[in-house]
Amino acid sequence: MPLTYGNNSGAIFTLLGFSDYPELKLLLFLVFLSIYSITVVGNIGMILIIRINPKLHTPMYFFLSHLSFVDFCYSSVIAPKMLVNLVAKDRIISFLECIVQYFFFAIFVVTESILLVVMAYDRFVAICSPLLYTVTMTQKLCISLVGASYAWGLTCSLTMTCSAVQLSFVGVNTIDHFFCEFSSLIALSCSDIHVNQILLFSLSTVNAVSSFLVILLSYVFILVTILKMHSSSGRRRAFSTCASHLTTITIFYGTILFLYSVPKSENSKLTFKVASLFYTLVIPMLNPLIYSLRNKDVKDTIRKAMMVKLIIFLNSSSQELQCWN
């Protein structure tokens, strides 16, 4: 008779990850470790740069610092366990660990989607109502918008996590993924998952569609405003302020739309994993690069910080030489 865990406290799961390709294990480990290292350095570096440069103490960079924090957090929820599973023979994860991993991942990925909407609104106000920008985008409003983003992420995550905790699992369960992705997790349950599937589809669709439509509407107004500008330099400047954000939302929502379009079949499992890998690891790595490479103020801050470090290094080296002499 199979063992059923009433409260799932003893339920055990195995994350398959990329174990189907043992010959690529070392290569994948090095690639993913490099990506995660760049993600950590890039996002923490972006937060520090924004903090140390007074010129970057504006609403746009305030939102960007939180985007960097969210990118760092949700990649850190996934990457360490995935890296361990690539080199470890035992890829077991308990039900509690699985739920905690999904809980934090859901918070940060939903928060990111809302932050991108907030940043689109910020650009809308800056370009369509530049004279009212400082009056509209007050510190209180910025904090409220960021707080609401985290609150909605927490609400969605708690809703989905509580629905998963109610399910029962039998025996040892194998998750054909590199993290505890919700649909893969509930598919293993011996309970009725109809409500969970409806909940997942409803929340995912509402979040993705509503946030995408708000961003799209914001950029329609922005585009109309830019086209009405008589100065070509003004149009270029307006486009350049939106370029980084447009690149980020294109990659983020492009990946999500691709995931929605992938059919759930045996042949598409690898495609689904690779697409999931893109938005859990690659996008958090790309975001700080996109904003730093296209932003003069950020590049100037990095250049100055490197110059200060170089001067300190040269001074310490010259002092050591004098001591030797």
C-alpha atoms as a PDB file:
ATOM      1  CA  MET A   1       0.000   0.000   0.000  1.00  0.00           C
ATOM      2  CA  PRO A   2       1.501   3.343  -0.977  1.00  0.00           C
ATOM      3  CA  LEU A   3       2.404   5.782   1.744  1.00  0.00           C
ATOM      4  CA  THR A   4       0.327   8.962   1.759  1.00  0.00           C
ATOM      5  CA  TYR A   5       1.551  12.058   3.544  1.00  0.00           C
ATOM      6  CA  GLY A   6      -1.476  13.757   5.049  1.00  0.00           C
ATOM      7  CA  ASN A   7       0.323  17.000   5.822  1.00  0.00           C
ATOM      8  CA  ASN A   8       3.167  16.370   3.336  1.00  0.00           C
ATOM      9  CA  SER A   9       5.775  16.914   6.062  1.00  0.00           C
ATOM     10  CA  GLY A  10       7.623  13.809   4.919  1.00  0.00           C
ATOM     11  CA  ALA A  11       7.032  14.145   1.191  1.00  0.00           C
ATOM     12  CA  ILE A  12      10.183  13.874  -0.921  1.00  0.00           C
ATOM     13  CA  PHE A  13      10.811  15.260  -4.412  1.00  0.00           C
ATOM     14  CA  THR A  14      13.624  14.792  -6.902  1.00  0.00           C
ATOM     15  CA  LEU A  15      14.532  17.633  -9.247  1.00  0.00           C
ATOM     16  CA  LEU A  16      15.675  16.120 -12.551  1.00  0.00           C
ATOM     17  CA  GLY A  17      17.043  19.403 -13.881  1.00  0.00           C
ATOM     18  CA  PHE A  18      19.432  18.672 -16.745  1.00  0.00           C
ATOM     19  CA  SER A  19      20.395  15.175 -15.576  1.00  0.00           C
ATOM     20  CA  ASP A  20      19.393  13.774 -18.991  1.00  0.00           C
ATOM     21  CA  TYR A  21      22.635  15.261 -20.331  1.00  0.00           C
ATOM     22  CA  PRO A  22      25.390  13.925 -18.003  1.00  0.00           C
ATOM     23  CA  GLU A  23      28.096  14.624 -20.601  1.00  0.00           C
ATOM     24  CA  LEU A  24      27.270  18.352 -20.392  1.00  0.00           C
ATOM     25  CA  LYS A  25      27.186  18.461 -16.587  1.00  0.00           C
ATOM     26  CA  LEU A  26      30.526  20.251 -16.089  1.00  0.00           C
ATOM     27  CA  LEU A  27      29.982  22.661 -18.980  1.00  0.00           C
ATOM     28  CA  LEU A  28      26.483  23.580 -17.763  1.00  0.00           C
ATOM     29  CA  PHE A  29      27.782  24.070 -14.232  1.00  0.00           C
ATOM     30  CA  LEU A  30      30.485  26.492 -15.410  1.00  0.00           C
ATOM     31  CA  VAL A  31      28.083  28.384 -17.696  1.00  0.00           C
ATOM     32  CA  PHE A  32      25.369  28.727 -15.032  1.00  0.00           C
ATOM     33  CA  LEU A  33      27.916  29.664 -12.361  1.00  0.00           C
ATOM     34  CA  SER A  34      29.294  32.387 -14.634  1.00  0.00           C
ATOM     35  CA  ILE A  35      25.798  33.715 -15.376  1.00  0.00           C
ATOM     36  CA  TYR A  36      24.864  33.745 -11.688  1.00  0.00           C
ATOM     37  CA  SER A  37      28.157  35.426 -10.707  1.00  0.00           C
ATOM     38  CA  ILE A  38      27.580  38.195 -13.279  1.00  0.00           C
ATOM     39  CA  THR A  39      23.992  38.536 -12.007  1.00  0.00           C
ATOM     40  CA  VAL A  40      25.097  38.983  -8.396  1.00  0.00           C
ATOM     41  CA  VAL A  41      27.910  41.428  -9.209  1.00  0.00           C
ATOM     42  CA  GLY A  42      25.829  43.346 -11.759  1.00  0.00           C
ATOM     43  CA  ASN A  43      22.699  43.817  -9.652  1.00  0.00           C
ATOM     44  CA  ILE A  44      24.442  44.532  -6.342  1.00  0.00           C
ATOM     45  CA  GLY A  45      26.805  46.848  -8.225  1.00  0.00           C
ATOM     46  CA  MET A  46      23.844  48.686  -9.765  1.00  0.00           C
ATOM     47  CA  ILE A  47      22.261  49.204  -6.327  1.00  0.00           C
ATOM     48  CA  LEU A  48      25.544  50.553  -4.906  1.00  0.00           C
ATOM     49  CA  ILE A  49      26.133  52.850  -7.899  1.00  0.00           C
ATOM     50  CA  ILE A  50      22.649  54.349  -7.514  1.00  0.00           C
ATOM     51  CA  ARG A  51      23.228  54.872  -3.798  1.00  0.00           C
ATOM     52  CA  ILE A  52      26.640  56.569  -4.063  1.00  0.00           C
ATOM     53  CA  ASN A  53      25.853  58.958  -6.939  1.00  0.00           C
ATOM     54  CA  PRO A  54      23.538  61.852  -5.895  1.00  0.00           C
ATOM     55  CA  LYS A  55      22.703  62.459  -9.580  1.00  0.00           C
ATOM     56  CA  LEU A  56      20.984  59.070  -9.621  1.00  0.00           C
ATOM     57  CA  HIS A  57      18.693  59.853  -6.680  1.00  0.00           C
ATOM     58  CA  THR A  58      15.670  60.214  -8.956  1.00  0.00           C
ATOM     59  CA  PRO A  59      12.419  58.212  -9.251  1.00  0.00           C
ATOM     60  CA  MET A  60      13.653  56.339 -12.326  1.00  0.00           C
ATOM     61  CA  TYR A  61      16.784  55.081 -10.555  1.00  0.00           C
ATOM     62  CA  PHE A  62      14.852  54.434  -7.347  1.00  0.00           C
ATOM     63  CA  PHE A  63      12.681  51.987  -9.295  1.00  0.00           C
ATOM     64  CA  LEU A  64      15.738  50.582 -11.068  1.00  0.00           C
ATOM     65  CA  SER A  65      17.466  49.854  -7.739  1.00  0.00           C
ATOM     66  CA  HIS A  66      14.443  47.814  -6.658  1.00  0.00           C
ATOM     67  CA  LEU A  67      14.374  46.037 -10.023  1.00  0.00           C
ATOM     68  CA  SER A  68      18.026  45.078  -9.447  1.00  0.00           C
ATOM     69  CA  PHE A  69      17.204  43.877  -5.921  1.00  0.00           C
ATOM     70  CA  VAL A  70      14.313  41.729  -7.211  1.00  0.00           C
ATOM     71  CA  ASP A  71      16.488  40.292 -10.025  1.00  0.00           C
ATOM     72  CA  PHE A  72      19.198  39.390  -7.513  1.00  0.00           C
ATOM     73  CA  CYS A  73      16.673  37.781  -5.153  1.00  0.00           C
ATOM     74  CA  TYR A  74      14.730  35.602  -7.546  1.00  0.00           C
ATOM     75  CA  SER A  75      17.824  34.347  -9.364  1.00  0.00           C
ATOM     76  CA  SER A  76      19.338  33.542  -5.930  1.00  0.00           C
ATOM     77  CA  VAL A  77      16.257  31.495  -5.057  1.00  0.00           C
ATOM     78  CA  ILE A  78      16.842  29.261  -8.115  1.00  0.00           C
ATOM     79  CA  ALA A  79      20.553  29.240  -9.040  1.00  0.00           C
ATOM     80  CA  PRO A  80      22.301  27.812  -5.914  1.00  0.00           C
ATOM     81  CA  LYS A  81      20.099  24.702  -5.734  1.00  0.00           C
ATOM     82  CA  MET A  82      20.367  24.181  -9.495  1.00  0.00           C
ATOM     83  CA  LEU A  83      24.171  24.408  -9.362  1.00  0.00           C
ATOM     84  CA  VAL A  84      24.338  21.911  -6.479  1.00  0.00           C
ATOM     85  CA  ASN A  85      22.069  19.482  -8.349  1.00  0.00           C
ATOM     86  CA  LEU A  86      24.349  19.592 -11.388  1.00  0.00           C
ATOM     87  CA  VAL A  87      27.270  18.128  -9.421  1.00  0.00           C
ATOM     88  CA  ALA A  88      25.464  16.136  -6.705  1.00  0.00           C
ATOM     89  CA  LYS A  89      24.190  12.588  -7.122  1.00  0.00           C
ATOM     90  CA  ASP A  90      21.397  13.231  -4.633  1.00  0.00           C
ATOM     91  CA  ARG A  91      18.963  15.753  -6.168  1.00  0.00           C
ATOM     92  CA  ILE A  92      16.335  15.351  -3.458  1.00  0.00           C
ATOM     93  CA  ILE A  93      14.373  18.297  -2.075  1.00  0.00           C
ATOM     94  CA  SER A  94      11.809  18.084   0.726  1.00  0.00           C
ATOM     95  CA  PHE A  95       8.234  19.312   0.344  1.00  0.00           C
ATOM     96  CA  LEU A  96       8.940  22.197   2.739  1.00  0.00           C
ATOM     97  CA  GLU A  97      12.049  23.273   0.785  1.00  0.00           C
ATOM     98  CA  CYS A  98      10.105  23.010  -2.455  1.00  0.00           C
ATOM     99  CA  ILE A  99       7.255  25.163  -1.162  1.00  0.00           C
ATOM    100  CA  VAL A 100       9.624  27.762   0.312  1.00  0.00           C
ATOM    101  CA  GLN A 101      11.546  27.958  -2.978  1.00  0.00           C
ATOM    102  CA  TYR A 102       8.351  28.483  -4.975  1.00  0.00           C
ATOM    103  CA  PHE A 103       6.987  30.972  -2.419  1.00  0.00           C
ATOM    104  CA  PHE A 104       9.966  33.328  -2.698  1.00  0.00           C
ATOM    105  CA  PHE A 105      10.324  32.845  -6.450  1.00  0.00           C
ATOM    106  CA  ALA A 106       6.658  33.790  -7.004  1.00  0.00           C
ATOM    107  CA  ILE A 107       6.982  36.900  -4.823  1.00  0.00           C
ATOM    108  CA  PHE A 108       9.914  38.273  -6.779  1.00  0.00           C
ATOM    109  CA  VAL A 109       8.822  37.334 -10.313  1.00  0.00           C
ATOM    110  CA  VAL A 110       5.366  38.909  -9.829  1.00  0.00           C
ATOM    111  CA  THR A 111       6.947  41.959  -8.178  1.00  0.00           C
ATOM    112  CA  GLU A 112       9.258  42.353 -11.188  1.00  0.00           C
ATOM    113  CA  SER A 113       6.325  42.403 -13.612  1.00  0.00           C
ATOM    114  CA  ILE A 114       4.613  45.134 -11.561  1.00  0.00           C
ATOM    115  CA  LEU A 115       7.839  47.139 -11.215  1.00  0.00           C
ATOM    116  CA  LEU A 116       8.150  47.168 -15.006  1.00  0.00           C
ATOM    117  CA  VAL A 117       4.641  48.674 -15.146  1.00  0.00           C
ATOM    118  CA  VAL A 118       5.630  51.289 -12.546  1.00  0.00           C
ATOM    119  CA  MET A 119       8.733  52.168 -14.570  1.00  0.00           C
ATOM    120  CA  ALA A 120       6.605  52.547 -17.695  1.00  0.00           C
ATOM    121  CA  TYR A 121       4.335  54.957 -15.809  1.00  0.00           C
ATOM    122  CA  ASP A 122       7.400  56.897 -14.667  1.00  0.00           C
ATOM    123  CA  ARG A 123       8.580  57.281 -18.285  1.00  0.00           C
ATOM    124  CA  PHE A 124       5.032  58.255 -19.342  1.00  0.00           C
ATOM    125  CA  VAL A 125       4.932  61.113 -16.811  1.00  0.00           C
ATOM    126  CA  ALA A 126       8.512  62.205 -17.617  1.00  0.00           C
ATOM    127  CA  ILE A 127       7.882  62.492 -21.374  1.00  0.00           C
ATOM    128  CA  CYS A 128       4.176  63.359 -21.613  1.00  0.00           C
ATOM    129  CA  SER A 129       4.066  65.789 -18.641  1.00  0.00           C
ATOM    130  CA  PRO A 130       7.678  66.904 -18.063  1.00  0.00           C
ATOM    131  CA  LEU A 131       6.695  70.152 -16.271  1.00  0.00           C
ATOM    132  CA  LEU A 132       4.613  68.195 -13.742  1.00  0.00           C
ATOM    133  CA  TYR A 133       7.134  65.370 -13.285  1.00  0.00           C
ATOM    134  CA  THR A 134       8.642  66.513  -9.978  1.00  0.00           C
ATOM    135  CA  VAL A 135       5.186  67.378  -8.630  1.00  0.00           C
ATOM    136  CA  THR A 136       3.665  64.046  -9.691  1.00  0.00           C
ATOM    137  CA  MET A 137       6.500  61.611  -8.940  1.00  0.00           C
ATOM    138  CA  THR A 138       6.969  62.547  -5.298  1.00  0.00           C
ATOM    139  CA  GLN A 139       8.996  60.439  -2.887  1.00  0.00           C
ATOM    140  CA  LYS A 140       5.786  59.353  -1.150  1.00  0.00           C
ATOM    141  CA  LEU A 141       4.238  58.174  -4.425  1.00  0.00           C
ATOM    142  CA  CYS A 142       7.409  56.310  -5.472  1.00  0.00           C
ATOM    143  CA  ILE A 143       7.585  54.479  -2.138  1.00  0.00           C
ATOM    144  CA  SER A 144       3.870  53.669  -2.365  1.00  0.00           C
ATOM    145  CA  LEU A 145       4.217  52.265  -5.899  1.00  0.00           C
ATOM    146  CA  VAL A 146       7.181  50.079  -4.919  1.00  0.00           C
ATOM    147  CA  GLY A 147       5.404  48.961  -1.732  1.00  0.00           C
ATOM    148  CA  ALA A 148       2.304  48.050  -3.754  1.00  0.00           C
ATOM    149  CA  SER A 149       4.474  46.006  -6.157  1.00  0.00           C
ATOM    150  CA  TYR A 150       5.907  43.937  -3.299  1.00  0.00           C
ATOM    151  CA  ALA A 151       2.480  43.637  -1.634  1.00  0.00           C
ATOM    152  CA  TRP A 152       0.865  42.290  -4.807  1.00  0.00           C
ATOM    153  CA  GLY A 153       3.764  39.866  -5.317  1.00  0.00           C
ATOM    154  CA  LEU A 154       3.333  38.624  -1.736  1.00  0.00           C
ATOM    155  CA  THR A 155      -0.448  38.302  -2.163  1.00  0.00           C
ATOM    156  CA  CYS A 156      -0.162  36.237  -5.348  1.00  0.00           C
ATOM    157  CA  SER A 157       2.587  34.082  -3.881  1.00  0.00           C
ATOM    158  CA  LEU A 158       0.668  33.389  -0.661  1.00  0.00           C
ATOM    159  CA  THR A 159      -2.462  32.507  -2.641  1.00  0.00           C
ATOM    160  CA  MET A 160      -0.646  30.002  -4.864  1.00  0.00           C
ATOM    161  CA  THR A 161       1.481  28.573  -2.047  1.00  0.00           C
ATOM    162  CA  CYS A 162      -1.523  28.025   0.245  1.00  0.00           C
ATOM    163  CA  SER A 163      -3.332  26.217  -2.554  1.00  0.00           C
ATOM    164  CA  ALA A 164      -0.319  23.917  -3.056  1.00  0.00           C
ATOM    165  CA  VAL A 165       0.029  23.158   0.664  1.00  0.00           C
ATOM    166  CA  GLN A 166      -3.506  21.691   0.692  1.00  0.00           C
ATOM    167  CA  LEU A 167      -2.532  18.989  -1.823  1.00  0.00           C
ATOM    168  CA  SER A 168      -1.417  15.450  -0.966  1.00  0.00           C
ATOM    169  CA  PHE A 169       1.476  13.550  -2.526  1.00  0.00           C
ATOM    170  CA  VAL A 170       2.169   9.816  -2.647  1.00  0.00           C
ATOM    171  CA  GLY A 171       5.607   8.172  -2.461  1.00  0.00           C
ATOM    172  CA  VAL A 172       8.708   9.670  -4.053  1.00  0.00           C
ATOM    173  CA  ASN A 173       7.918  12.313  -6.681  1.00  0.00           C
ATOM    174  CA  THR A 174      10.058  13.342  -9.635  1.00  0.00           C
ATOM    175  CA  ILE A 175       9.845  16.932 -10.894  1.00  0.00           C
ATOM    176  CA  ASP A 176      11.111  17.171 -14.460  1.00  0.00           C
ATOM    177  CA  HIS A 177      12.458  20.684 -13.958  1.00  0.00           C
ATOM    178  CA  PHE A 178      15.404  22.459 -12.326  1.00  0.00           C
ATOM    179  CA  PHE A 179      13.234  24.181  -9.685  1.00  0.00           C
ATOM    180  CA  CYS A 180       9.858  23.694  -8.003  1.00  0.00           C
ATOM    181  CA  GLU A 181       7.778  25.204 -10.774  1.00  0.00           C
ATOM    182  CA  PHE A 182       4.096  25.285  -9.744  1.00  0.00           C
ATOM    183  CA  SER A 183       2.466  23.412 -12.641  1.00  0.00           C
ATOM    184  CA  SER A 184       5.141  20.697 -12.500  1.00  0.00           C
ATOM    185  CA  LEU A 185       4.623  20.354  -8.743  1.00  0.00           C
ATOM    186  CA  ILE A 186       0.826  20.101  -8.673  1.00  0.00           C
ATOM    187  CA  ALA A 187       0.847  17.647 -11.601  1.00  0.00           C
ATOM    188  CA  LEU A 188       2.372  15.084  -9.209  1.00  0.00           C
ATOM    189  CA  SER A 189      -0.394  15.389  -6.617  1.00  0.00           C
ATOM    190  CA  CYS A 190      -2.897  12.623  -5.975  1.00  0.00           C
ATOM    191  CA  SER A 191      -5.481  15.266  -4.988  1.00  0.00           C
ATOM    192  CA  ASP A 192      -7.925  17.044  -7.257  1.00  0.00           C
ATOM    193  CA  ILE A 193      -5.881  19.852  -8.833  1.00  0.00           C
ATOM    194  CA  HIS A 194      -8.695  21.431 -10.866  1.00  0.00           C
ATOM    195  CA  VAL A 195      -8.978  24.471  -8.569  1.00  0.00           C
ATOM    196  CA  ASN A 196      -5.182  24.895  -8.475  1.00  0.00           C
ATOM    197  CA  GLN A 197      -4.975  24.891 -12.265  1.00  0.00           C
ATOM    198  CA  ILE A 198      -7.755  27.481 -12.561  1.00  0.00           C
ATOM    199  CA  LEU A 199      -6.055  29.616  -9.911  1.00  0.00           C
ATOM    200  CA  LEU A 200      -2.684  29.396 -11.669  1.00  0.00           C
ATOM    201  CA  PHE A 201      -4.165  30.225 -15.062  1.00  0.00           C
ATOM    202  CA  SER A 202      -6.277  33.102 -13.695  1.00  0.00           C
ATOM    203  CA  LEU A 203      -3.534  34.824 -11.720  1.00  0.00           C
ATOM    204  CA  SER A 204      -0.892  34.286 -14.430  1.00  0.00           C
ATOM    205  CA  THR A 205      -3.175  35.620 -17.151  1.00  0.00           C
ATOM    206  CA  VAL A 206      -4.383  38.610 -15.129  1.00  0.00           C
ATOM    207  CA  ASN A 207      -0.826  39.579 -14.153  1.00  0.00           C
ATOM    208  CA  ALA A 208       0.694  39.086 -17.602  1.00  0.00           C
ATOM    209  CA  VAL A 209      -2.124  40.602 -19.679  1.00  0.00           C
ATOM    210  CA  SER A 210      -2.997  43.553 -17.411  1.00  0.00           C
ATOM    211  CA  SER A 211       0.637  44.596 -16.859  1.00  0.00           C
ATOM    212  CA  PHE A 212       1.443  44.223 -20.563  1.00  0.00           C
ATOM    213  CA  LEU A 213      -1.601  46.296 -21.577  1.00  0.00           C
ATOM    214  CA  VAL A 214      -0.734  49.100 -19.136  1.00  0.00           C
ATOM    215  CA  ILE A 215       2.839  49.182 -20.452  1.00  0.00           C
ATOM    216  CA  LEU A 216       1.594  49.130 -24.051  1.00  0.00           C
ATOM    217  CA  LEU A 217      -0.862  51.971 -23.387  1.00  0.00           C
ATOM    218  CA  SER A 218       1.856  54.032 -21.677  1.00  0.00           C
ATOM    219  CA  TYR A 219       4.149  53.664 -24.669  1.00  0.00           C
ATOM    220  CA  VAL A 220       1.387  54.529 -27.128  1.00  0.00           C
ATOM    221  CA  PHE A 221       1.007  57.889 -25.363  1.00  0.00           C
ATOM    222  CA  ILE A 222       4.793  58.258 -25.165  1.00  0.00           C
ATOM    223  CA  LEU A 223       5.169  57.566 -28.899  1.00  0.00           C
ATOM    224  CA  VAL A 224       2.432  60.053 -29.804  1.00  0.00           C
ATOM    225  CA  THR A 225       4.089  62.704 -27.622  1.00  0.00           C
ATOM    226  CA  ILE A 226       7.545  62.061 -29.125  1.00  0.00           C
ATOM    227  CA  LEU A 227       6.212  62.253 -32.695  1.00  0.00           C
ATOM    228  CA  LYS A 228       4.665  65.643 -31.907  1.00  0.00           C
ATOM    229  CA  MET A 229       8.058  67.051 -30.862  1.00  0.00           C
ATOM    230  CA  HIS A 230       9.516  69.531 -33.368  1.00  0.00           C
ATOM    231  CA  SER A 231      13.142  69.091 -32.268  1.00  0.00           C
ATOM    232  CA  SER A 232      14.963  66.033 -33.610  1.00  0.00           C
ATOM    233  CA  SER A 233      17.400  66.200 -30.691  1.00  0.00           C
ATOM    234  CA  GLY A 234      14.437  66.220 -28.290  1.00  0.00           C
ATOM    235  CA  ARG A 235      12.997  63.137 -29.979  1.00  0.00           C
ATOM    236  CA  ARG A 236      16.344  61.329 -29.768  1.00  0.00           C
ATOM    237  CA  ARG A 237      16.704  62.229 -26.097  1.00  0.00           C
ATOM    238  CA  ALA A 238      13.176  61.021 -25.340  1.00  0.00           C
ATOM    239  CA  PHE A 239      13.739  57.751 -27.202  1.00  0.00           C
ATOM    240  CA  SER A 240      17.058  57.182 -25.424  1.00  0.00           C
ATOM    241  CA  THR A 241      15.434  57.532 -21.987  1.00  0.00           C
ATOM    242  CA  CYS A 242      12.991  54.754 -22.905  1.00  0.00           C
ATOM    243  CA  ALA A 243      15.377  52.468 -24.804  1.00  0.00           C
ATOM    244  CA  SER A 244      16.672  50.478 -21.814  1.00  0.00           C
ATOM    245  CA  HIS A 245      13.208  49.941 -20.359  1.00  0.00           C
ATOM    246  CA  LEU A 246      11.813  48.943 -23.754  1.00  0.00           C
ATOM    247  CA  THR A 247      14.620  46.402 -24.188  1.00  0.00           C
ATOM    248  CA  THR A 248      13.938  44.941 -20.729  1.00  0.00           C
ATOM    249  CA  ILE A 249      10.180  44.571 -21.189  1.00  0.00           C
ATOM    250  CA  THR A 250      10.628  43.116 -24.688  1.00  0.00           C
ATOM    251  CA  ILE A 251      12.907  40.369 -23.357  1.00  0.00           C
ATOM    252  CA  PHE A 252      10.813  39.743 -20.225  1.00  0.00           C
ATOM    253  CA  TYR A 253       7.380  39.602 -21.841  1.00  0.00           C
ATOM    254  CA  GLY A 254       8.727  37.943 -24.979  1.00  0.00           C
ATOM    255  CA  THR A 255       9.972  35.063 -22.830  1.00  0.00           C
ATOM    256  CA  ILE A 256       6.665  34.830 -20.929  1.00  0.00           C
ATOM    257  CA  LEU A 257       4.640  34.805 -24.158  1.00  0.00           C
ATOM    258  CA  PHE A 258       6.934  32.114 -25.531  1.00  0.00           C
ATOM    259  CA  LEU A 259       6.367  29.998 -22.401  1.00  0.00           C
ATOM    260  CA  TYR A 260       2.608  30.385 -22.848  1.00  0.00           C
ATOM    261  CA  SER A 261       2.867  29.221 -26.477  1.00  0.00           C
ATOM    262  CA  VAL A 262       4.976  26.098 -25.749  1.00  0.00           C
ATOM    263  CA  PRO A 263       2.669  23.044 -25.865  1.00  0.00           C
ATOM    264  CA  LYS A 264       2.852  20.753 -22.822  1.00  0.00           C
ATOM    265  CA  SER A 265       4.239  17.564 -24.359  1.00  0.00           C
ATOM    266  CA  GLU A 266       7.188  15.235 -23.889  1.00  0.00           C
ATOM    267  CA  ASN A 267       9.023  16.747 -26.865  1.00  0.00           C
ATOM    268  CA  SER A 268       8.643  20.302 -25.557  1.00  0.00           C
ATOM    269  CA  LYS A 269       9.995  19.687 -22.040  1.00  0.00           C
ATOM    270  CA  LEU A 270      13.542  20.710 -22.955  1.00  0.00           C
ATOM    271  CA  THR A 271      12.259  23.836 -24.730  1.00  0.00           C
ATOM    272  CA  PHE A 272      10.192  24.692 -21.647  1.00  0.00           C
ATOM    273  CA  LYS A 273      13.246  24.250 -19.394  1.00  0.00           C
ATOM    274  CA  VAL A 274      15.450  26.418 -21.588  1.00  0.00           C
ATOM    275  CA  ALA A 275      12.812  29.170 -21.744  1.00  0.00           C
ATOM    276  CA  SER A 276      12.372  28.979 -17.957  1.00  0.00           C
ATOM    277  CA  LEU A 277      16.151  29.165 -17.582  1.00  0.00           C
ATOM    278  CA  PHE A 278      16.128  32.333 -19.638  1.00  0.00           C
ATOM    279  CA  TYR A 279      13.760  34.259 -17.370  1.00  0.00           C
ATOM    280  CA  THR A 280      15.119  32.837 -14.087  1.00  0.00           C
ATOM    281  CA  LEU A 281      18.842  33.328 -14.789  1.00  0.00           C
ATOM    282  CA  VAL A 282      19.572  35.137 -18.048  1.00  0.00           C
ATOM    283  CA  ILE A 283      17.179  38.102 -17.722  1.00  0.00           C
ATOM    284  CA  PRO A 284      18.392  39.023 -14.185  1.00  0.00           C
ATOM    285  CA  MET A 285      21.924  39.019 -15.618  1.00  0.00           C
ATOM    286  CA  LEU A 286      21.003  41.141 -18.660  1.00  0.00           C
ATOM    287  CA  ASN A 287      19.018  43.884 -16.882  1.00  0.00           C
ATOM    288  CA  PRO A 288      21.952  45.619 -15.119  1.00  0.00           C
ATOM    289  CA  LEU A 289      24.015  45.311 -18.311  1.00  0.00           C
ATOM    290  CA  ILE A 290      21.248  46.882 -20.397  1.00  0.00           C
ATOM    291  CA  TYR A 291      20.813  49.828 -18.023  1.00  0.00           C
ATOM    292  CA  SER A 292      24.531  50.395 -17.421  1.00  0.00           C
ATOM    293  CA  LEU A 293      25.701  50.147 -21.040  1.00  0.00           C
ATOM    294  CA  ARG A 294      23.038  52.557 -22.318  1.00  0.00           C
ATOM    295  CA  ASN A 295      23.243  55.077 -19.488  1.00  0.00           C
ATOM    296  CA  LYS A 296      25.861  57.845 -19.391  1.00  0.00           C
ATOM    297  CA  ASP A 297      25.392  58.658 -15.680  1.00  0.00           C
ATOM    298  CA  VAL A 298      25.821  55.013 -14.662  1.00  0.00           C
ATOM    299  CA  LYS A 299      28.918  54.617 -16.886  1.00  0.00           C
ATOM    300  CA  ASP A 300      30.421  57.831 -15.462  1.00  0.00           C
ATOM    301  CA  THR A 301      29.867  56.568 -11.907  1.00  0.00           C
ATOM    302  CA  ILE A 302      31.510  53.232 -12.716  1.00  0.00           C
ATOM    303  CA  ARG A 303      34.438  55.036 -14.377  1.00  0.00           C
ATOM    304  CA  LYS A 304      34.931  57.334 -11.381  1.00  0.00           C
ATOM    305  CA  ALA A 305      34.727  54.431  -8.924  1.00  0.00           C
ATOM    306  CA  MET A 306      37.362  52.538 -10.917  1.00  0.00           C
ATOM    307  CA  MET A 307      39.599  55.611 -11.009  1.00  0.00           C
ATOM    308  CA  VAL A 308      39.318  56.038  -7.219  1.00  0.00           C
ATOM    309  CA  LYS A 309      40.235  52.360  -6.718  1.00  0.00           C
ATOM    310  CA  LEU A 310      43.167  52.731  -9.123  1.00  0.00           C
ATOM    311  CA  ILE A 311      44.456  55.823  -7.288  1.00  0.00           C
ATOM    312  CA  ILE A 312      44.157  54.066  -3.906  1.00  0.00           C
ATOM    313  CA  PHE A 313      45.969  51.019  -5.317  1.00  0.00           C
ATOM    314  CA  LEU A 314      48.770  53.149  -6.794  1.00  0.00           C
ATOM    315  CA  ASN A 315      49.144  55.118  -3.551  1.00  0.00           C
ATOM    316  CA  SER A 316      49.321  51.955  -1.459  1.00  0.00           C
ATOM    317  CA  SER A 317      51.828  50.432  -3.907  1.00  0.00           C
ATOM    318  CA  SER A 318      54.071  53.538  -3.784  1.00  0.00           C
ATOM    319  CA  GLN A 319      53.958  53.534   0.022  1.00  0.00           C
ATOM    320  CA  GLU A 320      55.004  49.870   0.092  1.00  0.00           C
ATOM    321  CA  LEU A 321      57.918  50.645  -2.248  1.00  0.00           C
ATOM    322  CA  GLN A 322      59.032  53.514  -0.019  1.00  0.00           C
ATOM    323  CA  CYS A 323      58.942  51.201   3.003  1.00  0.00           C
ATOM    324  CA  TRP A 324      61.087  48.668   1.169  1.00  0.00           C
ATOM    325  CA  ASN A 325      63.563  51.380   0.170  1.00  0.00           C
END
